[in-house]
Amino acid sequence: MIASVLIVAFLLGNRHAASALETPVPAWLGRVSYSLYLIHLPILTAAIHGLGPVLPLWAIMAIAVPTALIAAELFYRAVEAPSMRLGKRLTRRRIVPAAATGV
């Protein structure tokens, strides 16, 4: 937690470092971060159990990390983004004319 606070404080005080987070790769990682959070552990666990007997750990990681990143993008497009759109549509405030409310 302390490290997170120090990183945020550093970024708030340094415009150049903060602008680095607005480049395409960090922006993409921020966009798919929740999907990556949800999907990385099942992929990593399956890779270790499935490939552990035949590959060293570094090779499993070399396969699992890109697989998790690709799966996170797919999960974002197929589940997360449509869910966010649906949530916005369902919670959109409807403006009712005063004549219709009887006021």
C-alpha atoms as a PDB file:
ATOM      1  CA  MET A   1       0.000   0.000   0.000  1.00  0.00           C
ATOM      2  CA  ILE A   2       2.809   2.399   0.840  1.00  0.00           C
ATOM      3  CA  ALA A   3       4.478   1.701  -2.504  1.00  0.00           C
ATOM      4  CA  SER A   4       1.214   2.482  -4.309  1.00  0.00           C
ATOM      5  CA  VAL A   5       0.896   5.802  -2.484  1.00  0.00           C
ATOM      6  CA  LEU A   6       4.495   6.688  -3.324  1.00  0.00           C
ATOM      7  CA  ILE A   7       3.992   5.821  -7.005  1.00  0.00           C
ATOM      8  CA  VAL A   8       0.854   7.965  -7.217  1.00  0.00           C
ATOM      9  CA  ALA A   9       2.612  10.842  -5.424  1.00  0.00           C
ATOM     10  CA  PHE A  10       5.540  10.562  -7.846  1.00  0.00           C
ATOM     11  CA  LEU A  11       3.233  10.602 -10.853  1.00  0.00           C
ATOM     12  CA  LEU A  12       1.286  13.591  -9.539  1.00  0.00           C
ATOM     13  CA  GLY A  13       4.528  15.503  -9.099  1.00  0.00           C
ATOM     14  CA  ASN A  14       6.124  14.539 -12.407  1.00  0.00           C
ATOM     15  CA  ARG A  15       4.222  15.460 -15.586  1.00  0.00           C
ATOM     16  CA  HIS A  16       6.668  13.597 -17.858  1.00  0.00           C
ATOM     17  CA  ALA A  17       6.284  10.312 -15.936  1.00  0.00           C
ATOM     18  CA  ALA A  18       2.506  10.719 -15.785  1.00  0.00           C
ATOM     19  CA  SER A  19       2.305  11.313 -19.541  1.00  0.00           C
ATOM     20  CA  ALA A  20       4.080   7.977 -20.083  1.00  0.00           C
ATOM     21  CA  LEU A  21       0.974   6.286 -18.678  1.00  0.00           C
ATOM     22  CA  GLU A  22      -1.109   7.822 -21.466  1.00  0.00           C
ATOM     23  CA  THR A  23       0.770   5.971 -24.193  1.00  0.00           C
ATOM     24  CA  PRO A  24      -1.075   3.144 -25.995  1.00  0.00           C
ATOM     25  CA  VAL A  25       0.255   0.130 -24.058  1.00  0.00           C
ATOM     26  CA  PRO A  26      -0.472   1.414 -20.515  1.00  0.00           C
ATOM     27  CA  ALA A  27      -3.820   2.790 -21.711  1.00  0.00           C
ATOM     28  CA  TRP A  28      -4.722  -0.620 -23.158  1.00  0.00           C
ATOM     29  CA  LEU A  29      -3.608  -2.392 -19.976  1.00  0.00           C
ATOM     30  CA  GLY A  30      -5.787  -0.024 -17.970  1.00  0.00           C
ATOM     31  CA  ARG A  31      -8.754  -0.739 -20.204  1.00  0.00           C
ATOM     32  CA  VAL A  32      -8.470  -4.532 -19.956  1.00  0.00           C
ATOM     33  CA  SER A  33      -7.107  -4.647 -16.388  1.00  0.00           C
ATOM     34  CA  TYR A  34     -10.300  -5.990 -14.797  1.00  0.00           C
ATOM     35  CA  SER A  35     -10.657  -8.683 -17.460  1.00  0.00           C
ATOM     36  CA  LEU A  36      -6.977  -9.545 -16.999  1.00  0.00           C
ATOM     37  CA  TYR A  37      -7.500  -9.714 -13.240  1.00  0.00           C
ATOM     38  CA  LEU A  38     -10.364 -12.170 -13.725  1.00  0.00           C
ATOM     39  CA  ILE A  39      -8.753 -14.369 -16.373  1.00  0.00           C
ATOM     40  CA  HIS A  40      -5.037 -14.553 -15.511  1.00  0.00           C
ATOM     41  CA  LEU A  41      -5.234 -17.029 -12.633  1.00  0.00           C
ATOM     42  CA  PRO A  42      -7.276 -19.720 -14.442  1.00  0.00           C
ATOM     43  CA  ILE A  43      -4.954 -19.465 -17.448  1.00  0.00           C
ATOM     44  CA  LEU A  44      -1.820 -19.581 -15.319  1.00  0.00           C
ATOM     45  CA  THR A  45      -3.132 -22.514 -13.265  1.00  0.00           C
ATOM     46  CA  ALA A  46      -4.159 -24.474 -16.363  1.00  0.00           C
ATOM     47  CA  ALA A  47      -0.803 -23.787 -18.015  1.00  0.00           C
ATOM     48  CA  ILE A  48       1.173 -24.917 -14.973  1.00  0.00           C
ATOM     49  CA  HIS A  49      -0.878 -28.075 -14.466  1.00  0.00           C
ATOM     50  CA  GLY A  50      -1.094 -28.915 -18.152  1.00  0.00           C
ATOM     51  CA  LEU A  51       2.423 -28.028 -19.229  1.00  0.00           C
ATOM     52  CA  GLY A  52       4.326 -28.450 -15.944  1.00  0.00           C
ATOM     53  CA  PRO A  53       5.383 -32.030 -16.598  1.00  0.00           C
ATOM     54  CA  VAL A  54       6.861 -31.236 -20.020  1.00  0.00           C
ATOM     55  CA  LEU A  55       8.117 -27.619 -19.912  1.00  0.00           C
ATOM     56  CA  PRO A  56      10.215 -25.546 -17.529  1.00  0.00           C
ATOM     57  CA  LEU A  57       8.492 -22.739 -15.641  1.00  0.00           C
ATOM     58  CA  TRP A  58      10.042 -19.969 -17.766  1.00  0.00           C
ATOM     59  CA  ALA A  59       8.575 -21.563 -20.918  1.00  0.00           C
ATOM     60  CA  ILE A  60       5.177 -21.932 -19.289  1.00  0.00           C
ATOM     61  CA  MET A  61       5.260 -18.231 -18.351  1.00  0.00           C
ATOM     62  CA  ALA A  62       6.300 -17.336 -21.903  1.00  0.00           C
ATOM     63  CA  ILE A  63       3.138 -19.079 -23.092  1.00  0.00           C
ATOM     64  CA  ALA A  64       0.765 -18.100 -20.258  1.00  0.00           C
ATOM     65  CA  VAL A  65       1.440 -14.339 -20.187  1.00  0.00           C
ATOM     66  CA  PRO A  66       0.623 -13.620 -23.857  1.00  0.00           C
ATOM     67  CA  THR A  67      -2.292 -16.048 -23.657  1.00  0.00           C
ATOM     68  CA  ALA A  68      -3.702 -14.172 -20.637  1.00  0.00           C
ATOM     69  CA  LEU A  69      -3.273 -10.811 -22.403  1.00  0.00           C
ATOM     70  CA  ILE A  70      -5.077 -12.054 -25.515  1.00  0.00           C
ATOM     71  CA  ALA A  71      -7.804 -13.680 -23.422  1.00  0.00           C
ATOM     72  CA  ALA A  72      -8.244 -10.447 -21.440  1.00  0.00           C
ATOM     73  CA  GLU A  73      -8.834  -8.487 -24.656  1.00  0.00           C
ATOM     74  CA  LEU A  74     -11.338 -11.073 -25.876  1.00  0.00           C
ATOM     75  CA  PHE A  75     -13.065 -11.156 -22.477  1.00  0.00           C
ATOM     76  CA  TYR A  76     -13.219  -7.356 -22.453  1.00  0.00           C
ATOM     77  CA  ARG A  77     -14.831  -7.260 -25.899  1.00  0.00           C
ATOM     78  CA  ALA A  78     -17.239 -10.156 -25.331  1.00  0.00           C
ATOM     79  CA  VAL A  79     -18.284  -9.633 -21.705  1.00  0.00           C
ATOM     80  CA  GLU A  80     -17.044  -6.480 -20.010  1.00  0.00           C
ATOM     81  CA  ALA A  81     -17.745  -3.832 -22.674  1.00  0.00           C
ATOM     82  CA  PRO A  82     -21.249  -5.144 -23.522  1.00  0.00           C
ATOM     83  CA  SER A  83     -22.056  -5.311 -19.793  1.00  0.00           C
ATOM     84  CA  MET A  84     -20.945  -1.709 -19.301  1.00  0.00           C
ATOM     85  CA  ARG A  85     -23.062  -0.584 -22.266  1.00  0.00           C
ATOM     86  CA  LEU A  86     -26.075  -2.447 -20.912  1.00  0.00           C
ATOM     87  CA  GLY A  87     -25.571  -0.961 -17.455  1.00  0.00           C
ATOM     88  CA  LYS A  88     -25.410   2.552 -18.872  1.00  0.00           C
ATOM     89  CA  ARG A  89     -28.522   1.952 -20.933  1.00  0.00           C
ATOM     90  CA  LEU A  90     -30.455   0.560 -17.970  1.00  0.00           C
ATOM     91  CA  THR A  91     -29.463   3.358 -15.622  1.00  0.00           C
ATOM     92  CA  ARG A  92     -29.915   6.241 -18.029  1.00  0.00           C
ATOM     93  CA  ARG A  93     -32.258   8.796 -16.494  1.00  0.00           C
ATOM     94  CA  ARG A  94     -35.372   9.308 -18.477  1.00  0.00           C
ATOM     95  CA  ILE A  95     -36.678  12.865 -18.643  1.00  0.00           C
ATOM     96  CA  VAL A  96     -40.433  12.880 -18.215  1.00  0.00           C
ATOM     97  CA  PRO A  97     -42.310  15.999 -19.313  1.00  0.00           C
ATOM     98  CA  ALA A  98     -43.991  17.844 -16.454  1.00  0.00           C
ATOM     99  CA  ALA A  99     -47.427  17.494 -18.147  1.00  0.00           C
ATOM    100  CA  ALA A 100     -47.097  13.707 -18.047  1.00  0.00           C
ATOM    101  CA  THR A 101     -46.390  13.650 -14.300  1.00  0.00           C
ATOM    102  CA  GLY A 102     -49.460  15.684 -13.399  1.00  0.00           C
ATOM    103  CA  VAL A 103     -47.428  18.320 -11.582  1.00  0.00           C
END
